Amino acid sequence: MRVASLLPSATETPFALGIEPVGVSHGCDQPPATRSLPTLTSTVVDHEDRTAGDVDAQMRSVEGVVCDLAVDRLRKRAADAAAGGRPRTAVLDWTDPPIRAGHRVRDMVDIAGGDPSFQPVGASEPVA
């Protein structure tokens, strides 16, 4: 199984299951082993040592893209890992009730080398 964690609050879960992610977001810092993994995103928001209110104010003031996905880096990691075919992939926005992640997530899964057929075209939607 190959996992890329783009949500800092969820990064500890794969480690707890014995799975080391192939890459993480710019905000992932726990467990400590995360810091040596490839970073797959970046942001224009200065979030280090800031309060949630500070980050929110910065995000509201930014016009355009706040975070970027390092597509070239992700494609290389996916190509290196996907020699055996495209793995079935599921990305959820929410787990109770389960909601399939939509919008750009389908493209992100495809770029990463996964099978995006579980993800909806367009907006996120509940799992039927």
C-alpha atoms as a PDB file:
ATOM      1  CA  MET A   1       0.000   0.000   0.000  1.00  0.00           C
ATOM      2  CA  ARG A   2       1.248   3.495  -0.886  1.00  0.00           C
ATOM      3  CA  VAL A   3      -0.070   6.484   1.052  1.00  0.00           C
ATOM      4  CA  ALA A   4       0.505  10.208   0.606  1.00  0.00           C
ATOM      5  CA  SER A   5      -0.749  12.203   3.576  1.00  0.00           C
ATOM      6  CA  LEU A   6      -1.842  15.722   2.709  1.00  0.00           C
ATOM      7  CA  LEU A   7      -3.646  16.329   6.006  1.00  0.00           C
ATOM      8  CA  PRO A   8      -1.383  16.953   9.018  1.00  0.00           C
ATOM      9  CA  SER A   9      -3.966  15.783  11.553  1.00  0.00           C
ATOM     10  CA  ALA A  10      -4.214  12.402   9.805  1.00  0.00           C
ATOM     11  CA  THR A  11      -0.520  11.698   9.193  1.00  0.00           C
ATOM     12  CA  GLU A  12      -0.011   9.736  12.401  1.00  0.00           C
ATOM     13  CA  THR A  13      -2.635   7.172  11.352  1.00  0.00           C
ATOM     14  CA  PRO A  14      -0.611   5.463   8.584  1.00  0.00           C
ATOM     15  CA  PHE A  15       2.433   5.322  10.886  1.00  0.00           C
ATOM     16  CA  ALA A  16       0.284   3.735  13.622  1.00  0.00           C
ATOM     17  CA  LEU A  17      -0.776   1.105  11.060  1.00  0.00           C
ATOM     18  CA  GLY A  18       2.850   0.415  10.114  1.00  0.00           C
ATOM     19  CA  ILE A  19       2.631   2.266   6.781  1.00  0.00           C
ATOM     20  CA  GLU A  20       5.215   4.939   5.982  1.00  0.00           C
ATOM     21  CA  PRO A  21       3.765   7.535   3.604  1.00  0.00           C
ATOM     22  CA  VAL A  22       5.576   8.137   0.304  1.00  0.00           C
ATOM     23  CA  GLY A  23       5.098  11.875   0.814  1.00  0.00           C
ATOM     24  CA  VAL A  24       3.433  14.435   3.073  1.00  0.00           C
ATOM     25  CA  SER A  25       2.139  18.010   3.022  1.00  0.00           C
ATOM     26  CA  HIS A  26       4.152  21.043   4.069  1.00  0.00           C
ATOM     27  CA  GLY A  27       2.244  21.060   7.370  1.00  0.00           C
ATOM     28  CA  CYS A  28       2.883  17.448   8.396  1.00  0.00           C
ATOM     29  CA  ASP A  29       5.359  17.237  11.277  1.00  0.00           C
ATOM     30  CA  GLN A  30       4.259  14.329  13.491  1.00  0.00           C
ATOM     31  CA  PRO A  31       5.494  11.743  14.161  1.00  0.00           C
ATOM     32  CA  PRO A  32       9.106  12.990  13.945  1.00  0.00           C
ATOM     33  CA  ALA A  33       9.900  10.484  11.135  1.00  0.00           C
ATOM     34  CA  THR A  34       7.549  12.541   8.936  1.00  0.00           C
ATOM     35  CA  ARG A  35      10.131  15.327   8.698  1.00  0.00           C
ATOM     36  CA  SER A  36      12.448  13.200   6.531  1.00  0.00           C
ATOM     37  CA  LEU A  37       9.757  12.362   3.930  1.00  0.00           C
ATOM     38  CA  PRO A  38       9.313  14.206   0.606  1.00  0.00           C
ATOM     39  CA  THR A  39       7.072  17.269   0.886  1.00  0.00           C
ATOM     40  CA  LEU A  40       4.381  17.268  -1.815  1.00  0.00           C
ATOM     41  CA  THR A  41       2.769  20.675  -1.152  1.00  0.00           C
ATOM     42  CA  SER A  42       3.691  24.273  -0.403  1.00  0.00           C
ATOM     43  CA  THR A  43       1.796  27.365   0.744  1.00  0.00           C
ATOM     44  CA  VAL A  44       2.047  31.145   0.577  1.00  0.00           C
ATOM     45  CA  VAL A  45       0.538  31.367   4.071  1.00  0.00           C
ATOM     46  CA  ASP A  46       3.016  31.855   6.922  1.00  0.00           C
ATOM     47  CA  HIS A  47       1.586  29.260   9.316  1.00  0.00           C
ATOM     48  CA  GLU A  48       4.600  28.492  11.528  1.00  0.00           C
ATOM     49  CA  ASP A  49       3.933  29.472  15.165  1.00  0.00           C
ATOM     50  CA  ARG A  50       0.724  31.318  14.214  1.00  0.00           C
ATOM     51  CA  THR A  51      -2.690  31.133  15.833  1.00  0.00           C
ATOM     52  CA  ALA A  52      -5.659  29.779  13.920  1.00  0.00           C
ATOM     53  CA  GLY A  53      -6.987  33.342  13.743  1.00  0.00           C
ATOM     54  CA  ASP A  54      -3.727  34.603  12.215  1.00  0.00           C
ATOM     55  CA  VAL A  55      -3.767  31.857   9.589  1.00  0.00           C
ATOM     56  CA  ASP A  56      -7.433  32.496   8.813  1.00  0.00           C
ATOM     57  CA  ALA A  57      -6.786  36.233   8.367  1.00  0.00           C
ATOM     58  CA  GLN A  58      -3.875  35.510   6.024  1.00  0.00           C
ATOM     59  CA  MET A  59      -5.931  33.060   3.963  1.00  0.00           C
ATOM     60  CA  ARG A  60      -8.762  35.572   3.597  1.00  0.00           C
ATOM     61  CA  SER A  61      -6.300  38.189   2.347  1.00  0.00           C
ATOM     62  CA  VAL A  62      -4.671  35.972  -0.301  1.00  0.00           C
ATOM     63  CA  GLU A  63      -6.041  36.184  -3.820  1.00  0.00           C
ATOM     64  CA  GLY A  64      -5.672  33.058  -5.933  1.00  0.00           C
ATOM     65  CA  VAL A  65      -4.031  29.788  -4.929  1.00  0.00           C
ATOM     66  CA  VAL A  66      -3.117  29.351  -1.261  1.00  0.00           C
ATOM     67  CA  CYS A  67      -1.506  25.888  -1.536  1.00  0.00           C
ATOM     68  CA  ASP A  68       0.278  24.230  -4.430  1.00  0.00           C
ATOM     69  CA  LEU A  69       0.687  20.522  -5.047  1.00  0.00           C
ATOM     70  CA  ALA A  70       4.191  19.625  -6.229  1.00  0.00           C
ATOM     71  CA  VAL A  71       2.828  17.788  -9.271  1.00  0.00           C
ATOM     72  CA  ASP A  72       6.191  16.918 -10.828  1.00  0.00           C
ATOM     73  CA  ARG A  73       7.481  15.469  -7.561  1.00  0.00           C
ATOM     74  CA  LEU A  74       4.238  13.563  -7.013  1.00  0.00           C
ATOM     75  CA  ARG A  75       4.286  12.169 -10.570  1.00  0.00           C
ATOM     76  CA  LYS A  76       7.859  10.912 -10.121  1.00  0.00           C
ATOM     77  CA  ARG A  77       7.002   9.250  -6.785  1.00  0.00           C
ATOM     78  CA  ALA A  78       3.918   7.682  -8.379  1.00  0.00           C
ATOM     79  CA  ALA A  79       5.825   6.433 -11.424  1.00  0.00           C
ATOM     80  CA  ASP A  80       8.500   4.895  -9.202  1.00  0.00           C
ATOM     81  CA  ALA A  81       5.864   3.183  -7.060  1.00  0.00           C
ATOM     82  CA  ALA A  82       3.281   2.192  -9.682  1.00  0.00           C
ATOM     83  CA  ALA A  83       5.281  -0.295 -11.726  1.00  0.00           C
ATOM     84  CA  GLY A  84       2.730  -2.968 -10.759  1.00  0.00           C
ATOM     85  CA  GLY A  85      -0.374  -1.115 -12.020  1.00  0.00           C
ATOM     86  CA  ARG A  86      -2.759   1.509 -10.710  1.00  0.00           C
ATOM     87  CA  PRO A  87      -3.922   0.782  -7.155  1.00  0.00           C
ATOM     88  CA  ARG A  88      -7.561   1.208  -6.199  1.00  0.00           C
ATOM     89  CA  THR A  89      -7.761   4.482  -4.318  1.00  0.00           C
ATOM     90  CA  ALA A  90     -10.340   6.118  -2.056  1.00  0.00           C
ATOM     91  CA  VAL A  91     -10.120   9.643  -0.681  1.00  0.00           C
ATOM     92  CA  LEU A  92     -12.752  10.762   1.809  1.00  0.00           C
ATOM     93  CA  ASP A  93     -13.579  14.316   2.904  1.00  0.00           C
ATOM     94  CA  TRP A  94     -15.454  12.967   5.895  1.00  0.00           C
ATOM     95  CA  THR A  95     -15.941   9.576   7.530  1.00  0.00           C
ATOM     96  CA  ASP A  96     -19.271   9.862   9.396  1.00  0.00           C
ATOM     97  CA  PRO A  97     -21.149   9.818   7.108  1.00  0.00           C
ATOM     98  CA  PRO A  98     -18.554   8.832   4.506  1.00  0.00           C
ATOM     99  CA  ILE A  99     -18.221  11.510   1.820  1.00  0.00           C
ATOM    100  CA  ARG A 100     -16.154  10.919  -1.323  1.00  0.00           C
ATOM    101  CA  ALA A 101     -13.740  13.807  -1.998  1.00  0.00           C
ATOM    102  CA  GLY A 102     -14.498  15.616  -5.218  1.00  0.00           C
ATOM    103  CA  HIS A 103     -13.322  18.626  -7.217  1.00  0.00           C
ATOM    104  CA  ARG A 104      -9.567  18.373  -7.946  1.00  0.00           C
ATOM    105  CA  VAL A 105      -9.096  15.208  -5.858  1.00  0.00           C
ATOM    106  CA  ARG A 106      -9.976  12.933  -8.801  1.00  0.00           C
ATOM    107  CA  ASP A 107      -7.181  14.543 -10.844  1.00  0.00           C
ATOM    108  CA  MET A 108      -4.773  14.351  -7.902  1.00  0.00           C
ATOM    109  CA  VAL A 109      -5.396  10.608  -7.546  1.00  0.00           C
ATOM    110  CA  ASP A 110      -4.873  10.127 -11.283  1.00  0.00           C
ATOM    111  CA  ILE A 111      -1.633  12.161 -11.270  1.00  0.00           C
ATOM    112  CA  ALA A 112      -0.418  10.179  -8.266  1.00  0.00           C
ATOM    113  CA  GLY A 113      -0.876   6.939 -10.205  1.00  0.00           C
ATOM    114  CA  GLY A 114      -4.032   5.688  -8.501  1.00  0.00           C
ATOM    115  CA  ASP A 115      -7.337   4.553  -9.997  1.00  0.00           C
ATOM    116  CA  PRO A 116      -9.600   7.626  -9.576  1.00  0.00           C
ATOM    117  CA  SER A 117     -12.885   5.860 -10.424  1.00  0.00           C
ATOM    118  CA  PHE A 118     -14.160   6.018  -6.796  1.00  0.00           C
ATOM    119  CA  GLN A 119     -13.933   9.818  -6.728  1.00  0.00           C
ATOM    120  CA  PRO A 120     -16.905  11.807  -8.067  1.00  0.00           C
ATOM    121  CA  VAL A 121     -16.617  14.156 -11.021  1.00  0.00           C
ATOM    122  CA  GLY A 122     -17.383  17.584  -9.558  1.00  0.00           C
ATOM    123  CA  ALA A 123     -18.370  18.257  -5.949  1.00  0.00           C
ATOM    124  CA  SER A 124     -17.818  15.912  -3.024  1.00  0.00           C
ATOM    125  CA  GLU A 125     -20.729  13.546  -2.388  1.00  0.00           C
ATOM    126  CA  PRO A 126     -21.908  10.951   0.140  1.00  0.00           C
ATOM    127  CA  VAL A 127     -20.916   7.332  -0.473  1.00  0.00           C
ATOM    128  CA  ALA A 128     -24.014   5.552  -1.781  1.00  0.00           C
END
